[in-house]
Amino acid sequence: MKIGFYNEFLPCILKADGVVDISDAVSQYKISSPQHYMERIIVNFDSLKSKLADLESTGTVIPMDKVKLCAPLPRPGKILCGNGNYMEGVQITPVRPLKTFFKSPEAIIGPGATVVLPAFHPVIFNHEAELGVVIGKEGHNLSESEALSIVFGYTTAVDVSARAPEEDEASLPGDYGKSFDTFLPIGPAITTADEISDPNDLDVKYWVNEELRQTYNTSDMEHSIAYMIATLSHVMTLKPGDLILAGTNHGNLGPLQDGDFAEIEIEKVGRSTQHVVDGLKRTWDPHALRAPKLNAERREGMKSQPNNGTWPFQPKGG
């Protein structure tokens, strides 16, 4: 089942040909904000599932051209992102430490919305197509075997990234090159976890102006979804509605620039689009993509680097 919002954050089930409104079925959970509304639907989903399944089968479908989809998680309490987290085809034993970072909730936009490039002057604005993991239950100090049990579902995500300032340009007041407003398109909905048998075996594709750029499988992930969730849960309590981005394979990363139309598709999860606007009309070569060979060479170079492991599951040396 694919759960989301449409129009003025009305809750719905997304189908291939449109949406089914579920407002009446979940009206008791509507409170102060769309984010809290979705969180309460997530928390109570087990008791709602049968009713929603009936609506999915028998409810009136509103055609897609009559609706505007919204971000299914309008403002997550936490957005935790994998820093790289892909092997780029080169396995290292023991695996490299897991690295993650926070991304601003204000970066969220929904399907068909616009990424607005800021006046900041980076070397380049990149796209990073990623699998998004939506937490469904509170989790703290989880084992790896327990971790997937707290997942509500999955969505597509694009981690838009401003790469360092140009030479002689002032730096940002922190590590915020991924946290500008509009720098996290997600959607089109949340695909519930029961539809995804293995989140570490999904094809991810990303197009810009109908030209395929990124194409990889989540099996290349260095640290699995379960490992990421478990590890993070030993640092902070994960809550329903939190969002974890799994990282990206950097092969064929390219620029985003004014006028671009981009699309992300993740197998079984869904397909979503974004527009790009830049008031400064900056340009980069759209075919100057990051070569997978260079990423593999970078990974090869890591084999000799010190590795203190990742607390608490991966001690030094593996």
Protein backbone atom coordinates (compact mmCIF):
# COMPACT_ATOMS: atom_id res chain seq x y z
CA MET A 1 0.00 0.00 0.00
CA LYS A 2 1.18 3.49 -0.82
CA ILE A 3 0.13 6.15 1.72
CA GLY A 4 0.48 9.86 1.06
CA PHE A 5 -1.09 13.30 0.85
CA TYR A 6 -2.71 15.23 -1.97
CA ASN A 7 -3.99 18.77 -2.53
CA GLU A 8 -4.10 20.54 0.86
CA PHE A 9 -2.54 17.59 2.67
CA LEU A 10 -5.54 15.33 2.39
CA PRO A 11 -4.53 11.73 3.22
CA CYS A 12 -4.78 9.19 0.43
CA ILE A 13 -3.79 5.85 -0.98
CA LEU A 14 -1.80 6.24 -4.17
CA LYS A 15 -2.71 3.92 -7.06
CA ALA A 16 -1.37 3.64 -10.59
CA ASP A 17 -4.19 5.74 -12.07
CA GLY A 18 -4.87 8.19 -9.25
CA VAL A 19 -5.57 8.47 -5.54
CA VAL A 20 -8.24 7.22 -3.16
CA ASP A 21 -9.13 9.71 -0.44
CA ILE A 22 -8.99 8.17 3.05
CA SER A 23 -9.90 11.29 5.05
CA ASP A 24 -13.02 9.80 6.60
CA ALA A 25 -11.25 6.61 7.64
CA VAL A 26 -8.47 8.47 9.48
CA SER A 27 -10.21 11.71 10.51
CA GLN A 28 -9.77 10.98 14.22
CA TYR A 29 -5.99 11.29 13.79
CA LYS A 30 -5.97 14.77 12.27
CA ILE A 31 -4.35 17.18 14.69
CA SER A 32 -2.05 20.18 14.58
CA SER A 33 -0.02 19.63 11.41
CA PRO A 34 0.22 17.36 8.35
CA GLN A 35 3.40 15.79 9.77
CA HIS A 36 1.67 14.88 13.03
CA TYR A 37 -1.33 13.64 11.04
CA MET A 38 0.88 11.22 9.11
CA GLU A 39 2.72 10.15 12.26
CA ARG A 40 -0.56 9.19 13.91
CA ILE A 41 -1.66 7.27 10.81
CA ILE A 42 1.68 5.45 10.90
CA VAL A 43 1.42 4.61 14.61
CA ASN A 44 -2.15 3.34 14.23
CA PHE A 45 -1.67 1.66 10.87
CA ASP A 46 -2.09 -1.90 12.16
CA SER A 47 -5.64 -1.15 13.30
CA LEU A 48 -6.36 0.79 10.10
CA LYS A 49 -4.92 -1.64 7.59
CA SER A 50 -8.02 -3.73 6.95
CA LYS A 51 -10.25 -0.69 6.47
CA LEU A 52 -7.71 0.97 4.20
CA ALA A 53 -7.28 -2.19 2.14
CA ASP A 54 -11.05 -2.20 1.50
CA LEU A 55 -10.90 1.43 0.43
CA GLU A 56 -7.96 0.69 -1.85
CA SER A 57 -10.06 -1.94 -3.61
CA THR A 58 -13.46 -0.24 -3.67
CA GLY A 59 -12.91 3.48 -3.13
CA THR A 60 -13.43 6.09 -5.82
CA VAL A 61 -10.21 6.85 -7.68
CA ILE A 62 -9.52 10.52 -8.31
CA PRO A 63 -7.53 10.72 -11.56
CA MET A 64 -3.92 11.84 -11.24
CA ASP A 65 -4.47 14.87 -13.45
CA LYS A 66 -7.04 16.15 -10.94
CA VAL A 67 -4.74 16.08 -7.91
CA LYS A 68 -1.47 17.54 -6.70
CA LEU A 69 0.59 15.17 -4.59
CA CYS A 70 2.30 16.54 -1.47
CA ALA A 71 5.33 15.36 0.47
CA PRO A 72 4.21 12.26 2.42
CA LEU A 73 6.39 13.37 5.37
CA PRO A 74 6.09 17.18 5.36
CA ARG A 75 8.52 17.82 8.23
CA PRO A 76 10.15 14.77 9.85
CA GLY A 77 11.40 15.16 13.39
CA LYS A 78 14.79 13.75 12.33
CA ILE A 79 16.40 13.28 8.92
CA LEU A 80 19.51 11.10 9.16
CA CYS A 81 21.56 10.52 6.03
CA GLY A 82 24.21 8.03 5.02
CA ASN A 83 27.48 9.74 4.11
CA GLY A 84 28.34 7.80 0.96
CA ASN A 85 27.58 4.31 2.38
CA TYR A 86 28.08 2.54 -0.95
CA MET A 87 30.88 0.19 -1.98
CA GLU A 88 30.97 1.57 -5.55
CA GLY A 89 31.61 -2.04 -6.59
CA VAL A 90 34.73 -2.34 -4.40
CA GLN A 91 34.30 -4.36 -1.21
CA ILE A 92 36.58 -3.50 1.69
CA THR A 93 37.17 -5.96 4.56
CA PRO A 94 36.53 -5.03 7.28
CA VAL A 95 33.93 -2.56 6.07
CA ARG A 96 34.57 1.15 6.46
CA PRO A 97 32.95 2.92 9.45
CA LEU A 98 29.38 4.06 9.01
CA LYS A 99 29.14 7.85 8.74
CA THR A 100 25.88 9.81 8.85
CA PHE A 101 24.74 13.41 9.12
CA PHE A 102 21.61 15.44 9.81
CA LYS A 103 19.73 17.22 7.04
CA SER A 104 17.28 20.04 7.71
CA PRO A 105 13.56 19.14 7.73
CA GLU A 106 12.96 22.44 5.93
CA ALA A 107 14.64 20.90 2.87
CA ILE A 108 11.60 18.66 2.22
CA ILE A 109 9.51 19.19 -0.92
CA GLY A 110 6.97 16.93 -2.57
CA PRO A 111 6.45 15.35 -5.99
CA GLY A 112 6.53 17.76 -8.91
CA ALA A 113 7.83 20.60 -6.73
CA THR A 114 10.80 22.82 -7.47
CA VAL A 115 14.37 22.71 -6.19
CA VAL A 116 15.46 26.35 -5.87
CA LEU A 117 19.22 26.81 -6.09
CA PRO A 118 20.43 29.48 -3.64
CA ALA A 119 22.72 32.44 -4.27
CA PHE A 120 25.57 30.57 -2.54
CA HIS A 121 28.32 29.75 -5.08
CA PRO A 122 29.37 26.10 -4.83
CA VAL A 123 31.68 24.23 -7.18
CA ILE A 124 28.56 22.38 -8.35
CA PHE A 125 25.03 21.41 -7.28
CA ASN A 126 24.72 17.60 -7.44
CA HIS A 127 21.81 15.18 -7.32
CA GLU A 128 22.02 12.06 -5.13
CA ALA A 129 19.20 9.58 -5.70
CA GLU A 130 18.54 7.59 -2.54
CA LEU A 131 16.22 5.16 -0.81
CA GLY A 132 14.34 6.81 2.06
CA VAL A 133 13.37 4.74 5.11
CA VAL A 134 10.37 5.84 7.19
CA ILE A 135 10.42 4.81 10.85
CA GLY A 136 7.11 3.43 12.15
CA LYS A 137 7.79 2.55 15.79
CA GLU A 138 9.97 3.90 18.55
CA GLY A 139 13.33 2.18 18.62
CA HIS A 140 16.23 2.42 21.05
CA ASN A 141 19.31 0.20 21.46
CA LEU A 142 18.11 -2.18 18.77
CA SER A 143 19.97 -5.22 17.52
CA GLU A 144 20.50 -5.55 13.80
CA SER A 145 18.01 -8.43 13.69
CA GLU A 146 15.33 -6.25 15.32
CA ALA A 147 15.90 -3.14 13.25
CA LEU A 148 13.63 -3.70 10.24
CA SER A 149 10.70 -4.39 12.58
CA ILE A 150 10.40 -0.65 13.30
CA VAL A 151 10.25 0.36 9.61
CA PHE A 152 6.87 1.62 8.41
CA GLY A 153 7.83 1.97 4.78
CA TYR A 154 10.01 3.43 2.07
CA THR A 155 10.02 6.43 -0.23
CA THR A 156 12.25 7.97 -2.89
CA ALA A 157 14.57 10.79 -1.91
CA VAL A 158 16.98 13.13 -3.68
CA ASP A 159 19.75 14.52 -1.50
CA VAL A 160 20.55 17.73 -3.39
CA SER A 161 24.09 18.79 -2.52
CA ALA A 162 26.03 22.05 -2.85
CA ARG A 163 29.68 21.00 -3.11
CA ALA A 164 31.95 23.42 -1.24
CA PRO A 165 32.28 27.06 -2.23
CA GLU A 166 34.06 28.23 -5.34
CA GLU A 167 37.58 29.50 -4.85
CA ASP A 168 37.60 32.82 -2.98
CA GLU A 169 33.90 32.40 -2.09
CA ALA A 170 32.96 32.61 1.59
CA SER A 171 32.15 29.30 3.25
CA LEU A 172 28.80 28.38 4.73
CA PRO A 173 28.44 28.87 8.52
CA GLY A 174 28.62 25.11 9.05
CA ASP A 175 28.34 21.84 7.13
CA TYR A 176 25.04 22.88 5.56
CA GLY A 177 25.59 22.33 1.84
CA LYS A 178 22.79 19.74 1.80
CA SER A 179 20.34 21.62 4.00
CA PHE A 180 19.15 24.53 1.89
CA ASP A 181 15.37 24.83 1.63
CA THR A 182 13.97 22.58 -1.16
CA PHE A 183 17.08 20.35 -1.16
CA LEU A 184 15.19 17.13 -0.32
CA PRO A 185 12.48 16.03 -2.77
CA ILE A 186 10.65 12.93 -1.51
CA GLY A 187 7.64 10.92 -2.63
CA PRO A 188 5.37 10.20 -4.32
CA ALA A 189 4.12 8.32 -1.23
CA ILE A 190 5.28 5.95 1.49
CA THR A 191 5.25 2.35 0.27
CA THR A 192 4.52 0.17 3.29
CA ALA A 193 7.24 -2.24 4.36
CA ASP A 194 5.17 -5.34 3.63
CA GLU A 195 5.58 -4.62 -0.10
CA ILE A 196 9.38 -4.60 0.10
CA SER A 197 10.81 -8.01 0.92
CA ASP A 198 14.42 -6.80 0.88
CA PRO A 199 15.31 -3.09 0.94
CA ASN A 200 18.86 -4.06 0.05
CA ASP A 201 17.86 -5.39 -3.36
CA LEU A 202 16.15 -2.51 -5.16
CA ASP A 203 17.03 -0.81 -8.43
CA VAL A 204 17.46 2.98 -8.19
CA LYS A 205 17.39 5.18 -11.30
CA TYR A 206 17.63 8.93 -11.84
CA TRP A 207 17.07 10.90 -15.02
CA VAL A 208 17.73 14.55 -15.85
CA ASN A 209 15.90 15.89 -18.89
CA GLU A 210 15.07 12.27 -19.84
CA GLU A 211 18.72 11.22 -19.88
CA LEU A 212 19.53 8.39 -17.48
CA ARG A 213 22.30 9.26 -15.04
CA GLN A 214 22.34 7.26 -11.83
CA THR A 215 21.48 3.57 -12.03
CA TYR A 216 22.44 1.17 -9.26
CA ASN A 217 21.08 -1.46 -6.89
CA THR A 218 20.85 -1.04 -3.13
CA SER A 219 22.71 -4.36 -2.77
CA ASP A 220 25.87 -2.23 -3.25
CA MET A 221 25.22 -0.59 0.13
CA GLU A 222 28.19 -0.95 2.47
CA HIS A 223 26.06 -0.90 5.61
CA SER A 224 22.58 -2.40 5.23
CA ILE A 225 19.37 -0.63 6.16
CA ALA A 226 19.09 -2.85 9.24
CA TYR A 227 22.64 -2.04 10.32
CA MET A 228 22.08 1.71 9.85
CA ILE A 229 18.88 1.68 11.91
CA ALA A 230 20.36 -0.43 14.70
CA THR A 231 23.53 1.64 14.95
CA LEU A 232 21.70 4.97 14.97
CA SER A 233 19.27 3.67 17.61
CA HIS A 234 22.18 3.28 20.04
CA VAL A 235 22.90 7.00 19.69
CA MET A 236 19.36 8.39 19.69
CA THR A 237 15.83 7.09 20.06
CA LEU A 238 14.21 6.75 16.66
CA LYS A 239 10.60 7.91 16.48
CA PRO A 240 7.64 7.31 14.15
CA GLY A 241 7.89 9.65 11.20
CA ASP A 242 11.67 9.96 11.32
CA LEU A 243 13.38 9.62 7.93
CA ILE A 244 16.66 7.86 7.17
CA LEU A 245 18.36 8.29 3.79
CA ALA A 246 20.46 5.27 2.89
CA GLY A 247 23.21 7.08 0.96
CA THR A 248 24.01 6.84 -2.73
CA ASN A 249 26.26 5.18 -5.25
CA HIS A 250 28.20 8.13 -6.67
CA GLY A 251 28.59 6.75 -10.18
CA ASN A 252 27.41 9.26 -12.81
CA LEU A 253 26.52 12.03 -10.39
CA GLY A 254 26.00 15.20 -12.38
CA PRO A 255 24.84 18.79 -12.06
CA LEU A 256 21.42 20.20 -11.37
CA GLN A 257 20.84 23.58 -12.97
CA ASP A 258 18.21 26.05 -14.09
CA GLY A 259 15.43 24.56 -16.19
CA ASP A 260 16.21 20.90 -15.44
CA PHE A 261 13.42 18.35 -15.12
CA ALA A 262 14.49 15.37 -13.04
CA GLU A 263 12.93 12.01 -12.19
CA ILE A 264 13.77 9.39 -9.60
CA GLU A 265 12.44 5.84 -9.64
CA ILE A 266 13.03 3.10 -7.11
CA GLU A 267 11.83 -0.40 -7.84
CA LYS A 268 8.57 -1.24 -5.99
CA VAL A 269 8.71 2.12 -4.17
CA GLY A 270 7.64 4.60 -6.83
CA ARG A 271 8.59 7.38 -9.22
CA SER A 272 8.72 11.10 -8.48
CA THR A 273 9.72 14.26 -10.36
CA GLN A 274 11.38 17.60 -9.60
CA HIS A 275 11.95 20.86 -11.43
CA VAL A 276 15.03 23.02 -10.88
CA VAL A 277 15.19 26.83 -10.87
CA ASP A 278 18.26 29.01 -10.49
CA GLY A 279 17.79 32.77 -10.45
CA LEU A 280 21.49 33.21 -11.26
CA LYS A 281 21.21 30.98 -14.38
CA ARG A 282 24.52 29.23 -13.69
CA THR A 283 25.55 26.42 -16.03
CA TRP A 284 27.64 23.24 -15.88
CA ASP A 285 28.34 20.64 -18.53
CA PRO A 286 25.40 18.20 -18.21
CA HIS A 287 27.54 15.35 -19.56
CA ALA A 288 30.47 15.86 -17.19
CA LEU A 289 29.38 13.05 -14.87
CA ARG A 290 31.35 11.47 -12.05
CA ALA A 291 32.95 8.38 -13.57
CA PRO A 292 32.32 5.10 -11.73
CA LYS A 293 35.96 4.16 -12.40
CA LEU A 294 37.16 7.13 -10.34
CA ASN A 295 34.85 6.17 -7.48
CA ALA A 296 36.24 2.63 -7.55
CA GLU A 297 39.81 3.98 -7.47
CA ARG A 298 38.91 6.16 -4.48
CA ARG A 299 37.55 3.08 -2.69
CA GLU A 300 40.68 1.09 -3.48
CA GLY A 301 42.68 3.83 -1.78
CA MET A 302 40.64 3.40 1.41
CA LYS A 303 41.88 -0.16 1.95
CA SER A 304 45.07 1.10 3.59
CA GLN A 305 43.43 3.78 5.72
CA PRO A 306 43.04 3.40 9.51
CA ASN A 307 39.68 1.96 10.56
CA ASN A 308 38.39 2.26 14.12
CA GLY A 309 35.09 0.60 13.28
CA THR A 310 31.58 1.78 14.08
CA TRP A 311 30.25 1.78 17.64
CA PRO A 312 28.67 -0.42 18.98
CA PHE A 313 28.59 -3.25 16.40
CA GLN A 314 31.83 -3.00 14.45
CA PRO A 315 34.93 -2.83 16.65
CA LYS A 316 38.33 -1.73 15.42
CA GLY A 317 39.62 -4.17 12.84
CA GLY A 318 36.24 -5.63 12.19
